[in-house]
């Protein structure tokens, strides 16, 4: 009788362990869902940043083109004015040529500066794109882990059900054996 009780206790312990494992798996699933939601929110934020940077980059390119066109127009105007001065023979033509050269150099320097800024913004944009790709990859990994956890939970639930059925059948068997021993005992007394 002690071995039957021990067997029932073991089955009950196994069932409790399986249920505890199931609850732990449920907690893991909840945590994975939270991480997935966090990754999705981060992805949305990063996409918003990328869109903002894209707009800023387009505006920078537009300003750069506008600035270049204005500089070319200024240079053209200055060259036209200088040509008029030379044709009219005004004094100080050398000074004016120097000024024009300085203006041209300043325009070139400004163009180089704007190009540098454009390259810096482009690098920032690429970094944000890399971060977005990494975030997307993290979200995909979290999703995969979530699916794996769901599969494990399903497997644990099935095992738990089997153990419960086994525990019930062990209990029924113990009950039948107990009633058989009582009825046998009654015959022996006759």
N, C-alpha and C. Protein backbone atom coordinates (compact mmCIF):
# COMPACT_ATOMS: atom_id res chain seq x y z
N UNK A 1 0.83 -1.19 0.00
CA UNK A 1 0.00 0.00 0.00
C UNK A 1 0.87 1.25 0.00
N UNK A 2 2.03 1.18 0.71
CA UNK A 2 2.93 2.34 0.76
C UNK A 2 3.47 2.67 -0.62
N UNK A 3 3.78 1.65 -1.42
CA UNK A 3 4.31 1.92 -2.76
C UNK A 3 3.26 2.57 -3.65
N UNK A 4 1.99 2.20 -3.44
CA UNK A 4 0.91 2.83 -4.22
C UNK A 4 0.79 4.30 -3.84
N UNK A 5 0.82 4.56 -2.53
CA UNK A 5 0.75 5.95 -2.06
C UNK A 5 1.96 6.73 -2.58
N UNK A 6 3.09 6.08 -2.54
CA UNK A 6 4.32 6.75 -3.02
C UNK A 6 4.20 7.06 -4.51
N UNK A 7 3.63 6.10 -5.27
CA UNK A 7 3.43 6.30 -6.70
C UNK A 7 2.46 7.44 -6.96
N UNK A 8 1.40 7.50 -6.20
CA UNK A 8 0.41 8.58 -6.33
C UNK A 8 1.08 9.91 -6.00
N UNK A 9 1.89 9.92 -4.92
CA UNK A 9 2.59 11.16 -4.54
C UNK A 9 3.56 11.60 -5.64
N UNK A 10 4.26 10.61 -6.22
CA UNK A 10 5.19 10.94 -7.30
C UNK A 10 4.45 11.52 -8.48
N UNK A 11 3.32 10.91 -8.84
CA UNK A 11 2.53 11.43 -9.96
C UNK A 11 2.02 12.84 -9.67
N UNK A 12 1.59 13.05 -8.44
CA UNK A 12 1.11 14.39 -8.04
C UNK A 12 2.25 15.39 -8.12
N UNK A 13 3.44 14.99 -7.67
CA UNK A 13 4.63 15.89 -7.73
C UNK A 13 4.97 16.21 -9.18
N UNK A 14 4.95 15.18 -10.03
CA UNK A 14 5.24 15.39 -11.46
C UNK A 14 4.21 16.35 -12.07
N UNK A 15 2.95 16.16 -11.71
CA UNK A 15 1.89 17.04 -12.23
C UNK A 15 2.10 18.46 -11.74
N UNK A 16 2.46 18.62 -10.44
CA UNK A 16 2.73 19.97 -9.91
C UNK A 16 3.91 20.60 -10.63
N UNK A 17 4.99 19.81 -10.82
CA UNK A 17 6.16 20.34 -11.54
C UNK A 17 5.81 20.76 -12.96
N UNK A 18 4.98 19.96 -13.63
CA UNK A 18 4.57 20.29 -15.01
C UNK A 18 3.77 21.57 -15.02
N UNK A 19 2.87 21.72 -14.04
CA UNK A 19 2.06 22.95 -13.96
C UNK A 19 2.94 24.15 -13.66
N UNK A 20 3.92 23.98 -12.77
CA UNK A 20 4.84 25.08 -12.47
C UNK A 20 5.64 25.45 -13.72
N UNK A 21 6.07 24.44 -14.46
CA UNK A 21 6.79 24.71 -15.72
C UNK A 21 5.91 25.43 -16.72
N UNK A 22 4.64 25.05 -16.73
CA UNK A 22 3.70 25.71 -17.64
C UNK A 22 3.53 27.17 -17.27
N UNK A 23 3.40 27.43 -15.95
CA UNK A 23 3.26 28.83 -15.50
C UNK A 23 4.53 29.62 -15.83
N UNK A 24 5.67 29.00 -15.65
CA UNK A 24 6.93 29.68 -15.98
C UNK A 24 6.99 30.00 -17.47
N UNK A 25 6.56 29.05 -18.29
CA UNK A 25 6.54 29.27 -19.74
C UNK A 25 5.58 30.39 -20.09
N UNK A 26 4.43 30.45 -19.37
CA UNK A 26 3.48 31.55 -19.61
C UNK A 26 4.13 32.89 -19.29
N UNK A 27 4.90 32.94 -18.20
CA UNK A 27 5.60 34.18 -17.83
C UNK A 27 6.61 34.57 -18.90
N UNK A 28 7.31 33.57 -19.44
CA UNK A 28 8.27 33.83 -20.52
C UNK A 28 7.55 34.39 -21.74
N UNK A 29 6.39 33.83 -22.06
CA UNK A 29 5.61 34.31 -23.21
C UNK A 29 5.18 35.76 -22.99
N UNK A 30 4.73 36.08 -21.78
CA UNK A 30 4.31 37.46 -21.48
C UNK A 30 5.51 38.41 -21.66
N UNK A 31 6.67 38.01 -21.15
CA UNK A 31 7.87 38.84 -21.27
C UNK A 31 8.25 39.03 -22.74
N UNK A 32 8.17 37.95 -23.52
CA UNK A 32 8.51 38.04 -24.94
C UNK A 32 7.52 38.94 -25.68
N UNK A 33 6.24 38.86 -25.29
CA UNK A 33 5.25 39.75 -25.91
C UNK A 33 5.58 41.21 -25.61
N UNK A 34 5.97 41.48 -24.35
CA UNK A 34 6.34 42.85 -23.97
C UNK A 34 7.55 43.33 -24.78
N UNK A 35 8.54 42.45 -24.92
CA UNK A 35 9.73 42.83 -25.71
C UNK A 35 9.36 43.07 -27.16
N UNK A 36 8.47 42.24 -27.68
CA UNK A 36 8.03 42.42 -29.07
C UNK A 36 7.33 43.76 -29.24
N UNK A 37 6.46 44.10 -28.27
CA UNK A 37 5.77 45.38 -28.35
C UNK A 37 6.75 46.54 -28.26
N UNK A 38 7.75 46.41 -27.35
CA UNK A 38 8.78 47.44 -27.23
C UNK A 38 9.55 47.61 -28.53
N UNK A 39 9.89 46.48 -29.16
CA UNK A 39 10.63 46.54 -30.44
C UNK A 39 9.77 47.18 -31.52
N UNK A 40 8.47 46.87 -31.52
CA UNK A 40 7.58 47.47 -32.53
C UNK A 40 7.48 48.98 -32.33
N UNK A 41 7.38 49.41 -31.06
CA UNK A 41 7.33 50.86 -30.77
C UNK A 41 8.63 51.52 -31.21
N UNK A 42 9.75 50.88 -30.90
CA UNK A 42 11.04 51.45 -31.29
C UNK A 42 11.15 51.54 -32.81
N UNK A 43 10.62 50.52 -33.49
CA UNK A 43 10.66 50.54 -34.96
C UNK A 43 9.85 51.71 -35.49
N UNK A 44 8.67 51.96 -34.91
CA UNK A 44 7.83 53.09 -35.36
C UNK A 44 8.56 54.41 -35.12
N UNK A 45 9.20 54.54 -33.94
CA UNK A 45 9.94 55.77 -33.63
C UNK A 45 11.08 55.97 -34.62
N UNK A 46 11.81 54.88 -34.90
CA UNK A 46 12.93 54.98 -35.83
C UNK A 46 12.45 55.32 -37.24
N UNK A 47 11.31 54.77 -37.64
CA UNK A 47 10.78 55.10 -38.96
C UNK A 47 10.39 56.57 -39.02
N UNK A 48 9.86 57.08 -37.93
CA UNK A 48 9.51 58.50 -37.87
C UNK A 48 10.76 59.36 -37.98
N UNK A 49 11.83 58.94 -37.28
CA UNK A 49 13.11 59.68 -37.35
C UNK A 49 13.66 59.63 -38.77
N UNK A 50 13.59 58.46 -39.39
CA UNK A 50 14.09 58.32 -40.77
C UNK A 50 13.32 59.24 -41.71
N UNK A 51 11.99 59.27 -41.55
CA UNK A 51 11.19 60.16 -42.40
C UNK A 51 11.56 61.61 -42.18
N UNK A 52 11.76 61.99 -40.91
CA UNK A 52 12.14 63.36 -40.59
C UNK A 52 13.49 63.70 -41.21
N UNK A 53 14.45 62.78 -41.07
CA UNK A 53 15.78 63.01 -41.64
C UNK A 53 15.74 63.05 -43.16
N UNK A 54 14.86 62.26 -43.75
CA UNK A 54 14.71 62.26 -45.20
C UNK A 54 14.23 63.63 -45.67
N UNK A 55 13.24 64.18 -44.96
CA UNK A 55 12.72 65.51 -45.30
C UNK A 55 13.83 66.55 -45.12
N UNK A 56 14.57 66.44 -44.00
CA UNK A 56 15.65 67.40 -43.73
C UNK A 56 16.74 67.30 -44.81
N UNK A 57 17.03 66.07 -45.23
CA UNK A 57 18.04 65.88 -46.27
C UNK A 57 17.60 66.51 -47.58
N UNK A 58 16.32 66.32 -47.93
CA UNK A 58 15.80 66.92 -49.17
C UNK A 58 15.87 68.45 -49.09
N UNK A 59 15.54 69.00 -47.92
CA UNK A 59 15.59 70.45 -47.73
C UNK A 59 17.02 70.95 -47.84
N UNK A 60 17.95 70.20 -47.28
CA UNK A 60 19.37 70.58 -47.36
C UNK A 60 19.85 70.57 -48.82
N UNK A 61 19.46 69.55 -49.55
CA UNK A 61 19.84 69.46 -50.97
C UNK A 61 19.24 70.64 -51.74
N UNK A 62 17.97 70.99 -51.43
CA UNK A 62 17.32 72.11 -52.10
C UNK A 62 18.06 73.41 -51.79
N UNK A 63 18.42 73.60 -50.52
CA UNK A 63 19.15 74.81 -50.13
C UNK A 63 20.52 74.87 -50.80
N UNK A 64 21.17 73.71 -50.87
CA UNK A 64 22.48 73.66 -51.51
C UNK A 64 22.38 74.05 -52.98
N UNK A 65 21.37 73.52 -53.66
CA UNK A 65 21.18 73.87 -55.07
C UNK A 65 20.87 75.35 -55.23
N UNK A 66 19.99 75.84 -54.36
CA UNK A 66 19.62 77.26 -54.43
C UNK A 66 20.84 78.14 -54.18
N UNK A 67 21.63 77.76 -53.16
CA UNK A 67 22.84 78.53 -52.84
C UNK A 67 23.83 78.50 -54.00
N UNK A 68 23.99 77.33 -54.60
CA UNK A 68 24.90 77.21 -55.74
C UNK A 68 24.43 78.08 -56.91
N UNK A 69 23.10 78.03 -57.17
CA UNK A 69 22.55 78.86 -58.27
C UNK A 69 22.75 80.34 -57.99
N UNK A 70 22.52 80.76 -56.73
CA UNK A 70 22.71 82.16 -56.37
C UNK A 70 24.16 82.57 -56.51
N UNK A 71 25.06 81.66 -56.07
CA UNK A 71 26.49 81.97 -56.19
C UNK A 71 26.90 82.09 -57.66
N UNK A 72 26.42 81.19 -58.48
CA UNK A 72 26.75 81.27 -59.90
C UNK A 72 26.20 82.55 -60.51
N UNK A 73 25.00 82.94 -60.06
CA UNK A 73 24.40 84.18 -60.57
C UNK A 73 25.23 85.39 -60.13
N UNK A 74 25.67 85.37 -58.84
CA UNK A 74 26.51 86.46 -58.34
C UNK A 74 27.82 86.54 -59.11
N UNK A 75 28.41 85.38 -59.33
CA UNK A 75 29.68 85.34 -60.08
C UNK A 75 29.47 85.87 -61.49
N UNK A 76 28.36 85.44 -62.10
CA UNK A 76 28.06 85.90 -63.46
C UNK A 76 27.84 87.41 -63.49
N UNK A 77 27.09 87.94 -62.51
CA UNK A 77 26.86 89.38 -62.43
C UNK A 77 28.16 90.14 -62.22
N UNK A 78 28.99 89.58 -61.28
CA UNK A 78 30.27 90.24 -61.02
C UNK A 78 31.17 90.23 -62.25
N UNK A 79 31.16 89.12 -62.98
CA UNK A 79 31.98 89.03 -64.20
C UNK A 79 31.47 90.02 -65.25
N UNK A 80 30.14 90.12 -65.36
CA UNK A 80 29.55 91.06 -66.32
C UNK A 80 29.91 92.50 -65.95
N UNK A 81 29.78 92.80 -64.64
CA UNK A 81 30.13 94.15 -64.18
C UNK A 81 31.60 94.45 -64.41
N UNK A 82 32.42 93.45 -64.14
CA UNK A 82 33.87 93.65 -64.35
C UNK A 82 34.18 93.89 -65.81
N UNK A 83 33.51 93.17 -66.68
CA UNK A 83 33.74 93.36 -68.11
C UNK A 83 33.37 94.79 -68.52
N UNK A 84 32.26 95.28 -67.97
CA UNK A 84 31.85 96.67 -68.26
C UNK A 84 32.90 97.66 -67.77
N UNK A 85 33.40 97.42 -66.55
CA UNK A 85 34.42 98.32 -66.00
C UNK A 85 35.68 98.32 -66.85
N UNK A 86 36.07 97.12 -67.26
CA UNK A 86 37.27 97.06 -68.11
C UNK A 86 37.06 97.78 -69.44
N UNK A 87 35.86 97.58 -69.99
CA UNK A 87 35.57 98.23 -71.27
C UNK A 87 35.52 99.74 -71.13
N UNK A 88 35.01 100.22 -70.02
CA UNK A 88 34.91 101.66 -69.84
C UNK A 88 36.24 102.26 -69.39
N UNK A 89 37.19 101.39 -69.02
CA UNK A 89 38.53 101.87 -68.67
C UNK A 89 38.61 102.51 -67.31
N UNK A 90 37.75 102.13 -66.40
CA UNK A 90 37.79 102.74 -65.07
C UNK A 90 39.07 102.33 -64.34
N UNK A 91 39.47 103.20 -63.45
CA UNK A 91 40.68 102.94 -62.66
C UNK A 91 40.36 101.91 -61.58
N UNK A 92 41.40 101.33 -61.08
CA UNK A 92 41.27 100.35 -60.00
C UNK A 92 40.81 98.98 -60.46
N UNK A 93 41.05 98.68 -61.76
CA UNK A 93 40.58 97.40 -62.29
C UNK A 93 41.25 96.22 -61.60
N UNK A 94 42.49 96.39 -61.23
CA UNK A 94 43.18 95.28 -60.56
C UNK A 94 42.56 94.98 -59.20
N UNK A 95 42.21 96.06 -58.48
CA UNK A 95 41.57 95.87 -57.19
C UNK A 95 40.25 95.11 -57.35
N UNK A 96 39.50 95.47 -58.37
CA UNK A 96 38.21 94.83 -58.61
C UNK A 96 38.38 93.35 -58.96
N UNK A 97 39.40 93.06 -59.75
CA UNK A 97 39.67 91.66 -60.11
C UNK A 97 39.98 90.86 -58.84
N UNK A 98 40.75 91.46 -57.94
CA UNK A 98 41.07 90.79 -56.69
C UNK A 98 39.80 90.53 -55.86
N UNK A 99 38.92 91.52 -55.82
CA UNK A 99 37.66 91.35 -55.10
C UNK A 99 36.83 90.21 -55.70
N UNK A 100 36.80 90.20 -57.01
CA UNK A 100 36.04 89.14 -57.68
C UNK A 100 36.65 87.76 -57.39
N UNK A 101 37.95 87.71 -57.39
CA UNK A 101 38.61 86.44 -57.07
C UNK A 101 38.30 86.01 -55.64
N UNK A 102 38.32 87.01 -54.74
CA UNK A 102 37.99 86.70 -53.33
C UNK A 102 36.55 86.21 -53.21
N UNK A 103 35.65 86.87 -53.95
CA UNK A 103 34.25 86.44 -53.92
C UNK A 103 34.11 85.02 -54.47
N UNK A 104 34.84 84.76 -55.55
CA UNK A 104 34.78 83.41 -56.14
C UNK A 104 35.33 82.37 -55.17
N UNK A 105 36.44 82.72 -54.48
CA UNK A 105 37.02 81.80 -53.50
C UNK A 105 36.06 81.58 -52.33
N UNK A 106 35.43 82.68 -51.90
CA UNK A 106 34.45 82.57 -50.80
C UNK A 106 33.28 81.69 -51.21
N UNK A 107 32.84 81.86 -52.46
CA UNK A 107 31.73 81.04 -52.96
C UNK A 107 32.13 79.57 -53.00
N UNK A 108 33.35 79.31 -53.45
CA UNK A 108 33.84 77.92 -53.50
C UNK A 108 33.93 77.34 -52.09
N UNK A 109 34.45 78.16 -51.15
CA UNK A 109 34.58 77.69 -49.76
C UNK A 109 33.20 77.38 -49.17
N UNK A 110 32.22 78.25 -49.45
CA UNK A 110 30.87 78.02 -48.94
C UNK A 110 30.26 76.76 -49.55
N UNK A 111 30.52 76.57 -50.84
CA UNK A 111 30.03 75.36 -51.50
C UNK A 111 30.63 74.11 -50.86
N UNK A 112 31.94 74.15 -50.59
CA UNK A 112 32.60 73.01 -49.94
C UNK A 112 32.02 72.77 -48.54
N UNK A 113 31.76 73.86 -47.82
CA UNK A 113 31.19 73.74 -46.48
C UNK A 113 29.81 73.09 -46.55
N UNK A 114 28.99 73.53 -47.50
CA UNK A 114 27.65 72.97 -47.65
C UNK A 114 27.72 71.50 -48.05
N UNK A 115 28.69 71.16 -48.89
CA UNK A 115 28.86 69.75 -49.27
C UNK A 115 29.22 68.92 -48.05
N UNK A 116 30.12 69.48 -47.19
CA UNK A 116 30.50 68.78 -45.96
C UNK A 116 29.30 68.55 -45.07
N UNK A 117 28.45 69.57 -44.92
CA UNK A 117 27.25 69.42 -44.11
C UNK A 117 26.32 68.36 -44.70
N UNK A 118 26.20 68.38 -46.01
CA UNK A 118 25.35 67.39 -46.68
C UNK A 118 25.87 65.98 -46.43
N UNK A 119 27.19 65.81 -46.52
CA UNK A 119 27.78 64.49 -46.27
C UNK A 119 27.55 64.05 -44.82
N UNK A 120 27.68 65.01 -43.88
CA UNK A 120 27.46 64.68 -42.47
C UNK A 120 26.01 64.24 -42.25
N UNK A 121 25.07 64.96 -42.86
CA UNK A 121 23.66 64.57 -42.71
C UNK A 121 23.40 63.23 -43.37
N UNK A 122 24.07 62.99 -44.47
CA UNK A 122 23.91 61.70 -45.15
C UNK A 122 24.40 60.56 -44.26
N UNK A 123 25.55 60.78 -43.58
CA UNK A 123 26.08 59.76 -42.68
C UNK A 123 25.11 59.51 -41.52
N UNK A 124 24.56 60.60 -40.97
CA UNK A 124 23.57 60.44 -39.90
C UNK A 124 22.37 59.64 -40.39
N UNK A 125 21.94 59.94 -41.60
CA UNK A 125 20.81 59.22 -42.20
C UNK A 125 21.13 57.73 -42.33
N UNK A 126 22.35 57.42 -42.78
CA UNK A 126 22.75 56.02 -42.93
C UNK A 126 22.79 55.32 -41.58
N UNK A 127 23.24 56.03 -40.53
CA UNK A 127 23.29 55.45 -39.19
C UNK A 127 21.88 55.12 -38.72
N UNK A 128 20.97 56.06 -38.96
CA UNK A 128 19.57 55.83 -38.56
C UNK A 128 19.01 54.63 -39.33
N UNK A 129 19.34 54.51 -40.60
CA UNK A 129 18.86 53.37 -41.39
C UNK A 129 19.41 52.05 -40.83
N UNK A 130 20.69 52.07 -40.44
CA UNK A 130 21.30 50.87 -39.85
C UNK A 130 20.59 50.52 -38.54
N UNK A 131 20.34 51.56 -37.71
CA UNK A 131 19.64 51.33 -36.45
C UNK A 131 18.24 50.77 -36.71
N UNK A 132 17.58 51.30 -37.74
CA UNK A 132 16.23 50.80 -38.05
C UNK A 132 16.30 49.33 -38.48
N UNK A 133 17.31 49.00 -39.31
CA UNK A 133 17.46 47.61 -39.75
C UNK A 133 17.74 46.70 -38.56
N UNK A 134 18.60 47.16 -37.63
CA UNK A 134 18.89 46.37 -36.44
C UNK A 134 17.65 46.19 -35.57
N UNK A 135 16.86 47.27 -35.45
CA UNK A 135 15.62 47.19 -34.68
C UNK A 135 14.66 46.20 -35.32
N UNK A 136 14.56 46.24 -36.66
CA UNK A 136 13.68 45.31 -37.37
C UNK A 136 14.16 43.88 -37.14
N UNK A 137 15.47 43.68 -37.21
CA UNK A 137 16.02 42.34 -36.99
C UNK A 137 15.74 41.86 -35.56
N UNK A 138 15.87 42.79 -34.58
CA UNK A 138 15.58 42.44 -33.19
C UNK A 138 14.11 42.07 -33.02
N UNK A 139 13.24 42.82 -33.70
CA UNK A 139 11.81 42.52 -33.62
C UNK A 139 11.51 41.15 -34.23
N UNK A 140 12.16 40.85 -35.35
CA UNK A 140 11.96 39.55 -35.98
C UNK A 140 12.46 38.42 -35.07
N UNK A 141 13.63 38.64 -34.42
CA UNK A 141 14.16 37.63 -33.49
C UNK A 141 13.21 37.43 -32.31
N UNK A 142 12.68 38.54 -31.78
CA UNK A 142 11.74 38.44 -30.67
C UNK A 142 10.49 37.69 -31.10
N UNK A 143 10.05 37.94 -32.32
CA UNK A 143 8.87 37.24 -32.84
C UNK A 143 9.15 35.74 -32.95
N UNK A 144 10.32 35.40 -33.46
CA UNK A 144 10.69 33.99 -33.58
C UNK A 144 10.73 33.33 -32.19
N UNK A 145 11.35 34.04 -31.22
CA UNK A 145 11.41 33.50 -29.86
C UNK A 145 10.01 33.34 -29.29
N UNK A 146 9.16 34.28 -29.58
CA UNK A 146 7.77 34.22 -29.11
C UNK A 146 7.08 32.96 -29.67
N UNK A 147 7.26 32.71 -30.96
CA UNK A 147 6.66 31.53 -31.58
C UNK A 147 7.23 30.24 -30.96
N UNK A 148 8.55 30.23 -30.72
CA UNK A 148 9.17 29.06 -30.10
C UNK A 148 8.59 28.84 -28.70
N UNK A 149 8.40 29.93 -27.96
CA UNK A 149 7.84 29.82 -26.61
C UNK A 149 6.42 29.29 -26.65
N UNK A 150 5.65 29.76 -27.62
CA UNK A 150 4.27 29.27 -27.77
C UNK A 150 4.28 27.76 -28.04
N UNK A 151 5.19 27.32 -28.90
CA UNK A 151 5.30 25.88 -29.19
C UNK A 151 5.65 25.11 -27.92
N UNK A 152 6.59 25.67 -27.12
CA UNK A 152 7.00 24.99 -25.89
C UNK A 152 5.84 24.94 -24.90
N UNK A 153 5.09 26.05 -24.81
CA UNK A 153 3.94 26.09 -23.91
C UNK A 153 2.92 25.04 -24.33
N UNK A 154 2.67 24.96 -25.63
CA UNK A 154 1.70 23.98 -26.14
C UNK A 154 2.17 22.56 -25.79
N UNK A 155 3.44 22.32 -25.95
CA UNK A 155 4.00 21.00 -25.64
C UNK A 155 3.86 20.71 -24.13
N UNK A 156 4.16 21.73 -23.30
CA UNK A 156 4.04 21.55 -21.86
C UNK A 156 2.59 21.31 -21.44
N UNK A 157 1.66 22.02 -22.08
CA UNK A 157 0.24 21.81 -21.79
C UNK A 157 -0.17 20.38 -22.12
N UNK A 158 0.29 19.87 -23.26
CA UNK A 158 -0.04 18.51 -23.66
C UNK A 158 0.53 17.51 -22.65
N UNK A 159 1.77 17.75 -22.21
CA UNK A 159 2.39 16.87 -21.23
C UNK A 159 1.65 16.94 -19.89
N UNK A 160 1.24 18.14 -19.53
CA UNK A 160 0.50 18.34 -18.29
C UNK A 160 -0.82 17.56 -18.34
N UNK A 161 -1.53 17.64 -19.48
CA UNK A 161 -2.79 16.90 -19.63
C UNK A 161 -2.54 15.39 -19.51
N UNK A 162 -1.47 14.91 -20.16
CA UNK A 162 -1.15 13.49 -20.08
C UNK A 162 -0.89 13.07 -18.63
N UNK A 163 -0.13 13.92 -17.91
CA UNK A 163 0.19 13.60 -16.52
C UNK A 163 -1.07 13.61 -15.66
N UNK A 164 -1.98 14.54 -15.93
CA UNK A 164 -3.22 14.60 -15.17
C UNK A 164 -4.07 13.34 -15.43
N UNK A 165 -4.12 12.92 -16.71
CA UNK A 165 -4.85 11.70 -17.07
C UNK A 165 -4.21 10.50 -16.38
N UNK A 166 -2.86 10.49 -16.39
CA UNK A 166 -2.13 9.40 -15.75
C UNK A 166 -2.39 9.39 -14.24
N UNK A 167 -2.42 10.59 -13.64
CA UNK A 167 -2.66 10.70 -12.20
C UNK A 167 -4.08 10.23 -11.88
N UNK A 168 -5.05 10.61 -12.72
CA UNK A 168 -6.44 10.16 -12.50
C UNK A 168 -6.55 8.65 -12.64
N UNK A 169 -5.90 8.10 -13.69
CA UNK A 169 -6.00 6.66 -13.90
C UNK A 169 -5.28 5.91 -12.77
N UNK A 170 -4.17 6.49 -12.24
CA UNK A 170 -3.48 5.88 -11.10
C UNK A 170 -4.37 5.90 -9.87
N UNK A 171 -5.05 7.01 -9.70
CA UNK A 171 -5.96 7.15 -8.56
C UNK A 171 -7.10 6.14 -8.68
N UNK A 172 -7.66 5.99 -9.89
CA UNK A 172 -8.75 5.02 -10.11
C UNK A 172 -8.24 3.61 -9.88
N UNK A 173 -7.04 3.33 -10.36
CA UNK A 173 -6.45 2.01 -10.19
C UNK A 173 -6.26 1.72 -8.70
N UNK A 174 -5.76 2.71 -7.97
CA UNK A 174 -5.55 2.54 -6.53
C UNK A 174 -6.89 2.31 -5.83
N UNK A 175 -7.89 3.03 -6.28
CA UNK A 175 -9.23 2.89 -5.69
C UNK A 175 -9.80 1.49 -5.98
N UNK A 176 -9.63 1.02 -7.22
CA UNK A 176 -10.11 -0.32 -7.59
C UNK A 176 -9.37 -1.40 -6.81
N UNK A 177 -8.06 -1.23 -6.69
CA UNK A 177 -7.27 -2.21 -5.94
C UNK A 177 -7.71 -2.24 -4.48
N UNK A 178 -7.99 -1.07 -3.96
CA UNK A 178 -8.42 -0.97 -2.56
C UNK A 178 -9.76 -1.67 -2.37
N UNK A 179 -10.70 -1.46 -3.29
CA UNK A 179 -12.02 -2.10 -3.16
C UNK A 179 -11.89 -3.61 -3.39
N UNK A 180 -10.96 -4.04 -4.28
CA UNK A 180 -10.75 -5.48 -4.50
C UNK A 180 -10.19 -6.13 -3.24
N UNK A 181 -9.28 -5.45 -2.57
CA UNK A 181 -8.67 -6.04 -1.37
C UNK A 181 -9.70 -6.12 -0.25
N UNK A 182 -10.64 -5.16 -0.19
CA UNK A 182 -11.70 -5.23 0.83
C UNK A 182 -12.63 -6.41 0.53
N UNK A 183 -12.98 -6.61 -0.73
CA UNK A 183 -13.90 -7.69 -1.05
C UNK A 183 -13.20 -9.04 -0.87
N UNK A 184 -11.89 -9.15 -1.15
CA UNK A 184 -11.14 -10.38 -0.92
C UNK A 184 -11.06 -10.70 0.57
N UNK A 185 -10.84 -9.61 1.32
CA UNK A 185 -10.74 -9.76 2.79
C UNK A 185 -12.03 -10.29 3.36
N UNK A 186 -13.14 -9.87 2.83
CA UNK A 186 -14.46 -10.32 3.31
C UNK A 186 -14.65 -11.79 3.03
N UNK A 187 -14.16 -12.30 1.88
CA UNK A 187 -14.31 -13.73 1.55
C UNK A 187 -13.46 -14.58 2.47
N UNK A 188 -12.25 -14.05 2.81
CA UNK A 188 -11.38 -14.84 3.65
C UNK A 188 -11.96 -14.99 5.05
N UNK A 189 -12.71 -14.00 5.52
CA UNK A 189 -13.31 -14.10 6.85
C UNK A 189 -14.40 -15.17 6.88
N UNK A 190 -15.09 -15.42 5.71
CA UNK A 190 -16.15 -16.43 5.67
C UNK A 190 -15.45 -17.76 5.73
